[in-house]
Amino acid sequence: GVLEPHEENFVSDVNAFNIVADLIRSLAKKENCII
């Protein structure tokens, strides 16, 4: 789960991971790709 910009830990290592993870899921759902 990705935090909202107003939340305290928005710019954190864990949230950065969550943002990348969310992007990976999105790519896997919509296109042929290698990660």
PDB file of all heavy atoms in Angstrom:
ATOM      1  N   GLY A   1       0.823  -1.208   0.000  1.00  0.00           N
ATOM      2  CA  GLY A   1       0.000   0.000   0.000  1.00  0.00           C
ATOM      3  C   GLY A   1       0.853   1.252   0.000  1.00  0.00           C
ATOM      4  O   GLY A   1       1.858   1.325   0.693  1.00  0.00           O
ATOM      5  N   VAL A   2       0.470   2.216  -0.796  1.00  0.00           N
ATOM      6  CA  VAL A   2       1.231   3.462  -0.943  1.00  0.00           C
ATOM      7  C   VAL A   2       0.591   4.566  -0.117  1.00  0.00           C
ATOM      8  O   VAL A   2      -0.620   4.752  -0.148  1.00  0.00           O
ATOM      9  CB  VAL A   2       1.290   3.878  -2.433  1.00  0.00           C
ATOM     10  CG1 VAL A   2       1.996   5.212  -2.590  1.00  0.00           C
ATOM     11  CG2 VAL A   2       1.986   2.796  -3.252  1.00  0.00           C
ATOM     12  N   LEU A   3       1.421   5.283   0.632  1.00  0.00           N
ATOM     13  CA  LEU A   3       0.931   6.390   1.456  1.00  0.00           C
ATOM     14  C   LEU A   3       0.589   7.600   0.586  1.00  0.00           C
ATOM     15  O   LEU A   3       1.115   7.762  -0.512  1.00  0.00           O
ATOM     16  CB  LEU A   3       1.985   6.783   2.489  1.00  0.00           C
ATOM     17  CG  LEU A   3       2.400   5.707   3.500  1.00  0.00           C
ATOM     18  CD1 LEU A   3       3.503   6.237   4.397  1.00  0.00           C
ATOM     19  CD2 LEU A   3       1.205   5.256   4.325  1.00  0.00           C
ATOM     20  N   GLU A   4      -0.246   8.448   1.119  1.00  0.00           N
ATOM     21  CA  GLU A   4      -0.594   9.705   0.452  1.00  0.00           C
ATOM     22  C   GLU A   4       0.463  10.761   0.761  1.00  0.00           C
ATOM     23  O   GLU A   4       1.124  10.691   1.807  1.00  0.00           O
ATOM     24  CB  GLU A   4      -1.971  10.190   0.926  1.00  0.00           C
ATOM     25  CG  GLU A   4      -3.127   9.266   0.555  1.00  0.00           C
ATOM     26  CD  GLU A   4      -3.316   9.165  -0.944  1.00  0.00           C
ATOM     27  OE1 GLU A   4      -3.083  10.171  -1.647  1.00  0.00           O
ATOM     28  OE2 GLU A   4      -3.689   8.075  -1.416  1.00  0.00           O
ATOM     29  N   PRO A   5       0.633  11.758  -0.135  1.00  0.00           N
ATOM     30  CA  PRO A   5       1.671  12.775   0.061  1.00  0.00           C
ATOM     31  C   PRO A   5       1.602  13.515   1.393  1.00  0.00           C
ATOM     32  O   PRO A   5       2.633  13.943   1.914  1.00  0.00           O
ATOM     33  CB  PRO A   5       1.439  13.734  -1.113  1.00  0.00           C
ATOM     34  CG  PRO A   5       0.846  12.872  -2.174  1.00  0.00           C
ATOM     35  CD  PRO A   5      -0.038  11.896  -1.432  1.00  0.00           C
ATOM     36  N   HIS A   6       0.409  13.642   1.969  1.00  0.00           N
ATOM     37  CA  HIS A   6       0.286  14.390   3.220  1.00  0.00           C
ATOM     38  C   HIS A   6       0.666  13.544   4.438  1.00  0.00           C
ATOM     39  O   HIS A   6       0.809  14.084   5.538  1.00  0.00           O
ATOM     40  CB  HIS A   6      -1.155  14.898   3.386  1.00  0.00           C
ATOM     41  CG  HIS A   6      -2.162  13.800   3.548  1.00  0.00           C
ATOM     42  ND1 HIS A   6      -2.758  13.193   2.457  1.00  0.00           N
ATOM     43  CD2 HIS A   6      -2.658  13.178   4.654  1.00  0.00           C
ATOM     44  CE1 HIS A   6      -3.598  12.252   2.888  1.00  0.00           C
ATOM     45  NE2 HIS A   6      -3.542  12.217   4.211  1.00  0.00           N
ATOM     46  N   GLU A   7       0.843  12.231   4.261  1.00  0.00           N
ATOM     47  CA  GLU A   7       1.139  11.375   5.401  1.00  0.00           C
ATOM     48  C   GLU A   7       2.605  11.464   5.798  1.00  0.00           C
ATOM     49  O   GLU A   7       3.489  11.715   4.967  1.00  0.00           O
ATOM     50  CB  GLU A   7       0.742   9.928   5.083  1.00  0.00           C
ATOM     51  CG  GLU A   7      -0.761   9.762   4.880  1.00  0.00           C
ATOM     52  CD  GLU A   7      -1.168   8.325   4.654  1.00  0.00           C
ATOM     53  OE1 GLU A   7      -1.255   7.586   5.657  1.00  0.00           O
ATOM     54  OE2 GLU A   7      -1.396   7.941   3.494  1.00  0.00           O
ATOM     55  N   GLU A   8       2.848  11.218   7.073  1.00  0.00           N
ATOM     56  CA  GLU A   8       4.150  11.474   7.685  1.00  0.00           C
ATOM     57  C   GLU A   8       5.307  10.746   7.008  1.00  0.00           C
ATOM     58  O   GLU A   8       6.369  11.315   6.799  1.00  0.00           O
ATOM     59  CB  GLU A   8       4.103  11.080   9.174  1.00  0.00           C
ATOM     60  CG  GLU A   8       5.405  11.371   9.912  1.00  0.00           C
ATOM     61  CD  GLU A   8       5.323  10.980  11.374  1.00  0.00           C
ATOM     62  OE1 GLU A   8       4.246  10.531  11.823  1.00  0.00           O
ATOM     63  OE2 GLU A   8       6.345  11.117  12.067  1.00  0.00           O
ATOM     64  N   ASN A   9       5.120   9.468   6.673  1.00  0.00           N
ATOM     65  CA  ASN A   9       6.215   8.662   6.127  1.00  0.00           C
ATOM     66  C   ASN A   9       6.169   8.538   4.606  1.00  0.00           C
ATOM     67  O   ASN A   9       6.678   7.564   4.046  1.00  0.00           O
ATOM     68  CB  ASN A   9       6.188   7.265   6.758  1.00  0.00           C
ATOM     69  CG  ASN A   9       6.557   7.303   8.233  1.00  0.00           C
ATOM     70  OD1 ASN A   9       7.560   7.900   8.608  1.00  0.00           O
ATOM     71  ND2 ASN A   9       5.736   6.685   9.066  1.00  0.00           N
ATOM     72  N   PHE A  10       5.574   9.539   3.937  1.00  0.00           N
ATOM     73  CA  PHE A  10       5.454   9.479   2.486  1.00  0.00           C
ATOM     74  C   PHE A  10       6.828   9.351   1.823  1.00  0.00           C
ATOM     75  O   PHE A  10       7.032   8.538   0.927  1.00  0.00           O
ATOM     76  CB  PHE A  10       4.723  10.717   1.962  1.00  0.00           C
ATOM     77  CG  PHE A  10       4.561  10.725   0.463  1.00  0.00           C
ATOM     78  CD1 PHE A  10       3.745   9.794  -0.163  1.00  0.00           C
ATOM     79  CD2 PHE A  10       5.220  11.673  -0.314  1.00  0.00           C
ATOM     80  CE1 PHE A  10       3.592   9.798  -1.553  1.00  0.00           C
ATOM     81  CE2 PHE A  10       5.063  11.682  -1.696  1.00  0.00           C
ATOM     82  CZ  PHE A  10       4.253  10.740  -2.318  1.00  0.00           C
ATOM     83  N   VAL A  11       7.791  10.160   2.261  1.00  0.00           N
ATOM     84  CA  VAL A  11       9.156  10.074   1.721  1.00  0.00           C
ATOM     85  C   VAL A  11       9.975   9.215   2.680  1.00  0.00           C
ATOM     86  O   VAL A  11      10.702   9.718   3.532  1.00  0.00           O
ATOM     87  CB  VAL A  11       9.790  11.468   1.540  1.00  0.00           C
ATOM     88  CG1 VAL A  11      11.173  11.339   0.917  1.00  0.00           C
ATOM     89  CG2 VAL A  11       8.902  12.360   0.674  1.00  0.00           C
ATOM     90  N   SER A  12       9.842   7.912   2.535  1.00  0.00           N
ATOM     91  CA  SER A  12      10.565   6.969   3.372  1.00  0.00           C
ATOM     92  C   SER A  12      10.983   5.784   2.519  1.00  0.00           C
ATOM     93  O   SER A  12      10.438   5.553   1.439  1.00  0.00           O
ATOM     94  CB  SER A  12       9.690   6.483   4.535  1.00  0.00           C
ATOM     95  OG  SER A  12       8.618   5.683   4.053  1.00  0.00           O
ATOM     96  N   ASP A  13      11.946   5.021   3.002  1.00  0.00           N
ATOM     97  CA  ASP A  13      12.429   3.865   2.246  1.00  0.00           C
ATOM     98  C   ASP A  13      11.301   2.859   2.007  1.00  0.00           C
ATOM     99  O   ASP A  13      11.168   2.311   0.919  1.00  0.00           O
ATOM    100  CB  ASP A  13      13.570   3.187   2.996  1.00  0.00           C
ATOM    101  CG  ASP A  13      14.846   4.011   2.986  1.00  0.00           C
ATOM    102  OD1 ASP A  13      14.747   5.246   2.978  1.00  0.00           O
ATOM    103  OD2 ASP A  13      15.930   3.416   2.986  1.00  0.00           O
ATOM    104  N   VAL A  14      10.496   2.609   3.036  1.00  0.00           N
ATOM    105  CA  VAL A  14       9.416   1.630   2.911  1.00  0.00           C
ATOM    106  C   VAL A  14       8.382   2.100   1.900  1.00  0.00           C
ATOM    107  O   VAL A  14       7.923   1.319   1.055  1.00  0.00           O
ATOM    108  CB  VAL A  14       8.760   1.347   4.279  1.00  0.00           C
ATOM    109  CG1 VAL A  14       7.517   0.484   4.109  1.00  0.00           C
ATOM    110  CG2 VAL A  14       9.742   0.683   5.225  1.00  0.00           C
ATOM    111  N   ASN A  15       8.018   3.359   1.951  1.00  0.00           N
ATOM    112  CA  ASN A  15       7.029   3.855   0.991  1.00  0.00           C
ATOM    113  C   ASN A  15       7.605   3.884  -0.420  1.00  0.00           C
ATOM    114  O   ASN A  15       6.882   3.642  -1.390  1.00  0.00           O
ATOM    115  CB  ASN A  15       6.518   5.242   1.384  1.00  0.00           C
ATOM    116  CG  ASN A  15       5.201   5.580   0.696  1.00  0.00           C
ATOM    117  OD1 ASN A  15       4.283   4.767   0.668  1.00  0.00           O
ATOM    118  ND2 ASN A  15       5.123   6.767   0.118  1.00  0.00           N
ATOM    119  N   ALA A  16       8.899   4.183  -0.536  1.00  0.00           N
ATOM    120  CA  ALA A  16       9.543   4.144  -1.850  1.00  0.00           C
ATOM    121  C   ALA A  16       9.466   2.732  -2.424  1.00  0.00           C
ATOM    122  O   ALA A  16       9.180   2.534  -3.610  1.00  0.00           O
ATOM    123  CB  ALA A  16      10.994   4.596  -1.743  1.00  0.00           C
ATOM    124  N   PHE A  17       9.705   1.737  -1.570  1.00  0.00           N
ATOM    125  CA  PHE A  17       9.583   0.344  -2.004  1.00  0.00           C
ATOM    126  C   PHE A  17       8.145   0.062  -2.444  1.00  0.00           C
ATOM    127  O   PHE A  17       7.906  -0.573  -3.479  1.00  0.00           O
ATOM    128  CB  PHE A  17       9.977  -0.613  -0.880  1.00  0.00           C
ATOM    129  CG  PHE A  17       9.724  -2.061  -1.212  1.00  0.00           C
ATOM    130  CD1 PHE A  17      10.663  -2.796  -1.922  1.00  0.00           C
ATOM    131  CD2 PHE A  17       8.532  -2.684  -0.853  1.00  0.00           C
ATOM    132  CE1 PHE A  17      10.420  -4.121  -2.267  1.00  0.00           C
ATOM    133  CE2 PHE A  17       8.280  -4.003  -1.191  1.00  0.00           C
ATOM    134  CZ  PHE A  17       9.233  -4.731  -1.896  1.00  0.00           C
ATOM    135  N   ASN A  18       7.174   0.514  -1.656  1.00  0.00           N
ATOM    136  CA  ASN A  18       5.769   0.267  -1.973  1.00  0.00           C
ATOM    137  C   ASN A  18       5.365   0.889  -3.309  1.00  0.00           C
ATOM    138  O   ASN A  18       4.569   0.324  -4.060  1.00  0.00           O
ATOM    139  CB  ASN A  18       4.875   0.807  -0.865  1.00  0.00           C
ATOM    140  CG  ASN A  18       4.971  -0.003   0.412  1.00  0.00           C
ATOM    141  OD1 ASN A  18       5.413  -1.150   0.397  1.00  0.00           O
ATOM    142  ND2 ASN A  18       4.575   0.583   1.531  1.00  0.00           N
ATOM    143  N   ILE A  19       5.910   2.071  -3.592  1.00  0.00           N
ATOM    144  CA  ILE A  19       5.600   2.752  -4.851  1.00  0.00           C
ATOM    145  C   ILE A  19       6.152   1.956  -6.029  1.00  0.00           C
ATOM    146  O   ILE A  19       5.471   1.741  -7.037  1.00  0.00           O
ATOM    147  CB  ILE A  19       6.165   4.194  -4.847  1.00  0.00           C
ATOM    148  CG1 ILE A  19       5.405   5.056  -3.838  1.00  0.00           C
ATOM    149  CG2 ILE A  19       6.091   4.805  -6.238  1.00  0.00           C
ATOM    150  CD1 ILE A  19       6.067   6.380  -3.529  1.00  0.00           C
ATOM    151  N   VAL A  20       7.397   1.476  -5.896  1.00  0.00           N
ATOM    152  CA  VAL A  20       8.011   0.662  -6.950  1.00  0.00           C
ATOM    153  C   VAL A  20       7.253  -0.653  -7.105  1.00  0.00           C
ATOM    154  O   VAL A  20       6.992  -1.111  -8.224  1.00  0.00           O
ATOM    155  CB  VAL A  20       9.500   0.406  -6.661  1.00  0.00           C
ATOM    156  CG1 VAL A  20      10.086  -0.577  -7.665  1.00  0.00           C
ATOM    157  CG2 VAL A  20      10.282   1.714  -6.700  1.00  0.00           C
ATOM    158  N   ALA A  21       6.876  -1.271  -5.978  1.00  0.00           N
ATOM    159  CA  ALA A  21       6.139  -2.530  -6.013  1.00  0.00           C
ATOM    160  C   ALA A  21       4.797  -2.363  -6.730  1.00  0.00           C
ATOM    161  O   ALA A  21       4.389  -3.223  -7.523  1.00  0.00           O
ATOM    162  CB  ALA A  21       5.925  -3.055  -4.601  1.00  0.00           C
ATOM    163  N   ASP A  22       4.126  -1.262  -6.455  1.00  0.00           N
ATOM    164  CA  ASP A  22       2.844  -0.986  -7.100  1.00  0.00           C
ATOM    165  C   ASP A  22       3.026  -0.830  -8.608  1.00  0.00           C
ATOM    166  O   ASP A  22       2.204  -1.300  -9.401  1.00  0.00           O
ATOM    167  CB  ASP A  22       2.246   0.286  -6.489  1.00  0.00           C
ATOM    168  CG  ASP A  22       0.784   0.492  -6.874  1.00  0.00           C
ATOM    169  OD1 ASP A  22      -0.012  -0.441  -6.662  1.00  0.00           O
ATOM    170  OD2 ASP A  22       0.453   1.580  -7.372  1.00  0.00           O
ATOM    171  N   LEU A  23       4.117  -0.191  -8.994  1.00  0.00           N
ATOM    172  CA  LEU A  23       4.432  -0.010 -10.408  1.00  0.00           C
ATOM    173  C   LEU A  23       4.726  -1.363 -11.069  1.00  0.00           C
ATOM    174  O   LEU A  23       4.283  -1.632 -12.192  1.00  0.00           O
ATOM    175  CB  LEU A  23       5.632   0.925 -10.538  1.00  0.00           C
ATOM    176  CG  LEU A  23       6.104   1.293 -11.944  1.00  0.00           C
ATOM    177  CD1 LEU A  23       4.990   1.956 -12.744  1.00  0.00           C
ATOM    178  CD2 LEU A  23       7.313   2.224 -11.851  1.00  0.00           C
ATOM    179  N   ILE A  24       5.459  -2.227 -10.372  1.00  0.00           N
ATOM    180  CA  ILE A  24       5.769  -3.561 -10.889  1.00  0.00           C
ATOM    181  C   ILE A  24       4.487  -4.357 -11.126  1.00  0.00           C
ATOM    182  O   ILE A  24       4.329  -5.020 -12.152  1.00  0.00           O
ATOM    183  CB  ILE A  24       6.711  -4.304  -9.912  1.00  0.00           C
ATOM    184  CG1 ILE A  24       8.117  -3.697  -9.977  1.00  0.00           C
ATOM    185  CG2 ILE A  24       6.759  -5.803 -10.213  1.00  0.00           C
ATOM    186  CD1 ILE A  24       9.066  -4.201  -8.898  1.00  0.00           C
ATOM    187  N   ARG A  25       3.560  -4.294 -10.189  1.00  0.00           N
ATOM    188  CA  ARG A  25       2.284  -5.002 -10.352  1.00  0.00           C
ATOM    189  C   ARG A  25       1.519  -4.479 -11.565  1.00  0.00           C
ATOM    190  O   ARG A  25       0.921  -5.250 -12.325  1.00  0.00           O
ATOM    191  CB  ARG A  25       1.437  -4.841  -9.091  1.00  0.00           C
ATOM    192  CG  ARG A  25       2.016  -5.531  -7.863  1.00  0.00           C
ATOM    193  CD  ARG A  25       1.046  -5.460  -6.684  1.00  0.00           C
ATOM    194  NE  ARG A  25       1.705  -5.853  -5.454  1.00  0.00           N
ATOM    195  CZ  ARG A  25       2.207  -5.012  -4.558  1.00  0.00           C
ATOM    196  NH1 ARG A  25       2.102  -3.690  -4.758  1.00  0.00           N
ATOM    197  NH2 ARG A  25       2.799  -5.458  -3.469  1.00  0.00           N
ATOM    198  N   SER A  26       1.541  -3.175 -11.723  1.00  0.00           N
ATOM    199  CA  SER A  26       0.835  -2.556 -12.845  1.00  0.00           C
ATOM    200  C   SER A  26       1.426  -3.005 -14.182  1.00  0.00           C
ATOM    201  O   SER A  26       0.686  -3.349 -15.112  1.00  0.00           O
ATOM    202  CB  SER A  26       0.916  -1.032 -12.725  1.00  0.00           C
ATOM    203  OG  SER A  26       0.315  -0.389 -13.826  1.00  0.00           O
ATOM    204  N   LEU A  27       2.746  -3.042 -14.271  1.00  0.00           N
ATOM    205  CA  LEU A  27       3.408  -3.463 -15.509  1.00  0.00           C
ATOM    206  C   LEU A  27       3.110  -4.930 -15.816  1.00  0.00           C
ATOM    207  O   LEU A  27       2.853  -5.298 -16.960  1.00  0.00           O
ATOM    208  CB  LEU A  27       4.921  -3.257 -15.389  1.00  0.00           C
ATOM    209  CG  LEU A  27       5.415  -1.813 -15.374  1.00  0.00           C
ATOM    210  CD1 LEU A  27       6.891  -1.761 -14.995  1.00  0.00           C
ATOM    211  CD2 LEU A  27       5.192  -1.152 -16.738  1.00  0.00           C
ATOM    212  N   ALA A  28       3.142  -5.763 -14.772  1.00  0.00           N
ATOM    213  CA  ALA A  28       2.896  -7.197 -14.957  1.00  0.00           C
ATOM    214  C   ALA A  28       1.477  -7.473 -15.438  1.00  0.00           C
ATOM    215  O   ALA A  28       1.228  -8.482 -16.102  1.00  0.00           O
ATOM    216  CB  ALA A  28       3.160  -7.943 -13.655  1.00  0.00           C
ATOM    217  N   LYS A  29       0.560  -6.586 -15.107  1.00  0.00           N
ATOM    218  CA  LYS A  29      -0.841  -6.783 -15.502  1.00  0.00           C
ATOM    219  C   LYS A  29      -1.119  -6.359 -16.944  1.00  0.00           C
ATOM    220  O   LYS A  29      -2.030  -6.891 -17.582  1.00  0.00           O
ATOM    221  CB  LYS A  29      -1.761  -5.976 -14.574  1.00  0.00           C
ATOM    222  CG  LYS A  29      -1.879  -6.539 -13.178  1.00  0.00           C
ATOM    223  CD  LYS A  29      -2.739  -5.622 -12.305  1.00  0.00           C
ATOM    224  CE  LYS A  29      -2.846  -6.136 -10.885  1.00  0.00           C
ATOM    225  NZ  LYS A  29      -3.625  -5.207 -10.009  1.00  0.00           N
ATOM    226  N   LYS A  30      -0.332  -5.413 -17.453  1.00  0.00           N
ATOM    227  CA  LYS A  30      -0.739  -4.811 -18.719  1.00  0.00           C
ATOM    228  C   LYS A  30       0.187  -5.035 -19.908  1.00  0.00           C
ATOM    229  O   LYS A  30      -0.211  -4.780 -21.052  1.00  0.00           O
ATOM    230  CB  LYS A  30      -0.936  -3.303 -18.529  1.00  0.00           C
ATOM    231  CG  LYS A  30       0.343  -2.516 -18.280  1.00  0.00           C
ATOM    232  CD  LYS A  30       0.043  -1.031 -18.066  1.00  0.00           C
ATOM    233  CE  LYS A  30       1.325  -0.225 -17.874  1.00  0.00           C
ATOM    234  NZ  LYS A  30       1.048   1.212 -17.656  1.00  0.00           N
ATOM    235  N   GLU A  31       1.447  -5.512 -19.676  1.00  0.00           N
ATOM    236  CA  GLU A  31       2.336  -5.657 -20.831  1.00  0.00           C
ATOM    237  C   GLU A  31       3.330  -6.802 -20.651  1.00  0.00           C
ATOM    238  O   GLU A  31       3.607  -7.237 -19.537  1.00  0.00           O
ATOM    239  CB  GLU A  31       3.116  -4.361 -21.079  1.00  0.00           C
ATOM    240  CG  GLU A  31       4.074  -3.989 -19.976  1.00  0.00           C
ATOM    241  CD  GLU A  31       4.862  -2.717 -20.280  1.00  0.00           C
ATOM    242  OE1 GLU A  31       4.240  -1.665 -20.507  1.00  0.00           O
ATOM    243  OE2 GLU A  31       6.110  -2.789 -20.277  1.00  0.00           O
ATOM    244  N   ASN A  32       3.839  -7.311 -21.766  1.00  0.00           N
ATOM    245  CA  ASN A  32       4.949  -8.249 -21.727  1.00  0.00           C
ATOM    246  C   ASN A  32       6.192  -7.480 -21.308  1.00  0.00           C
ATOM    247  O   ASN A  32       6.499  -6.429 -21.892  1.00  0.00           O
ATOM    248  CB  ASN A  32       5.184  -8.864 -23.104  1.00  0.00           C
ATOM    249  CG  ASN A  32       4.040  -9.738 -23.567  1.00  0.00           C
ATOM    250  OD1 ASN A  32       3.322 -10.308 -22.753  1.00  0.00           O
ATOM    251  ND2 ASN A  32       3.862  -9.846 -24.871  1.00  0.00           N
ATOM    252  N   CYS A  33       6.899  -7.971 -20.316  1.00  0.00           N
ATOM    253  CA  CYS A  33       8.071  -7.238 -19.853  1.00  0.00           C
ATOM    254  C   CYS A  33       9.007  -8.121 -19.041  1.00  0.00           C
ATOM    255  O   CYS A  33       8.641  -9.227 -18.630  1.00  0.00           O
ATOM    256  CB  CYS A  33       7.652  -6.019 -19.026  1.00  0.00           C
ATOM    257  SG  CYS A  33       6.735  -6.423 -17.521  1.00  0.00           S
ATOM    258  N   ILE A  34      10.204  -7.607 -18.812  1.00  0.00           N
ATOM    259  CA  ILE A  34      11.213  -8.243 -17.970  1.00  0.00           C
ATOM    260  C   ILE A  34      11.544  -7.261 -16.858  1.00  0.00           C
ATOM    261  O   ILE A  34      11.749  -6.065 -17.123  1.00  0.00           O
ATOM    262  CB  ILE A  34      12.481  -8.568 -18.777  1.00  0.00           C
ATOM    263  CG1 ILE A  34      12.148  -9.531 -19.920  1.00  0.00           C
ATOM    264  CG2 ILE A  34      13.566  -9.158 -17.883  1.00  0.00           C
ATOM    265  CD1 ILE A  34      13.240  -9.626 -20.966  1.00  0.00           C
ATOM    266  N   ILE A  35      11.592  -7.738 -15.621  1.00  0.00           N
ATOM    267  CA  ILE A  35      11.922  -6.876 -14.481  1.00  0.00           C
ATOM    268  C   ILE A  35      13.110  -7.466 -13.742  1.00  0.00           C
ATOM    269  O   ILE A  35      13.095  -8.636 -13.345  1.00  0.00           O
ATOM    270  CB  ILE A  35      10.711  -6.726 -13.540  1.00  0.00           C
ATOM    271  CG1 ILE A  35       9.538  -6.088 -14.282  1.00  0.00           C
ATOM    272  CG2 ILE A  35      11.092  -5.895 -12.312  1.00  0.00           C
ATOM    273  CD1 ILE A  35       8.261  -6.008 -13.484  1.00  0.00           C
TER     274      ILE A  35
END
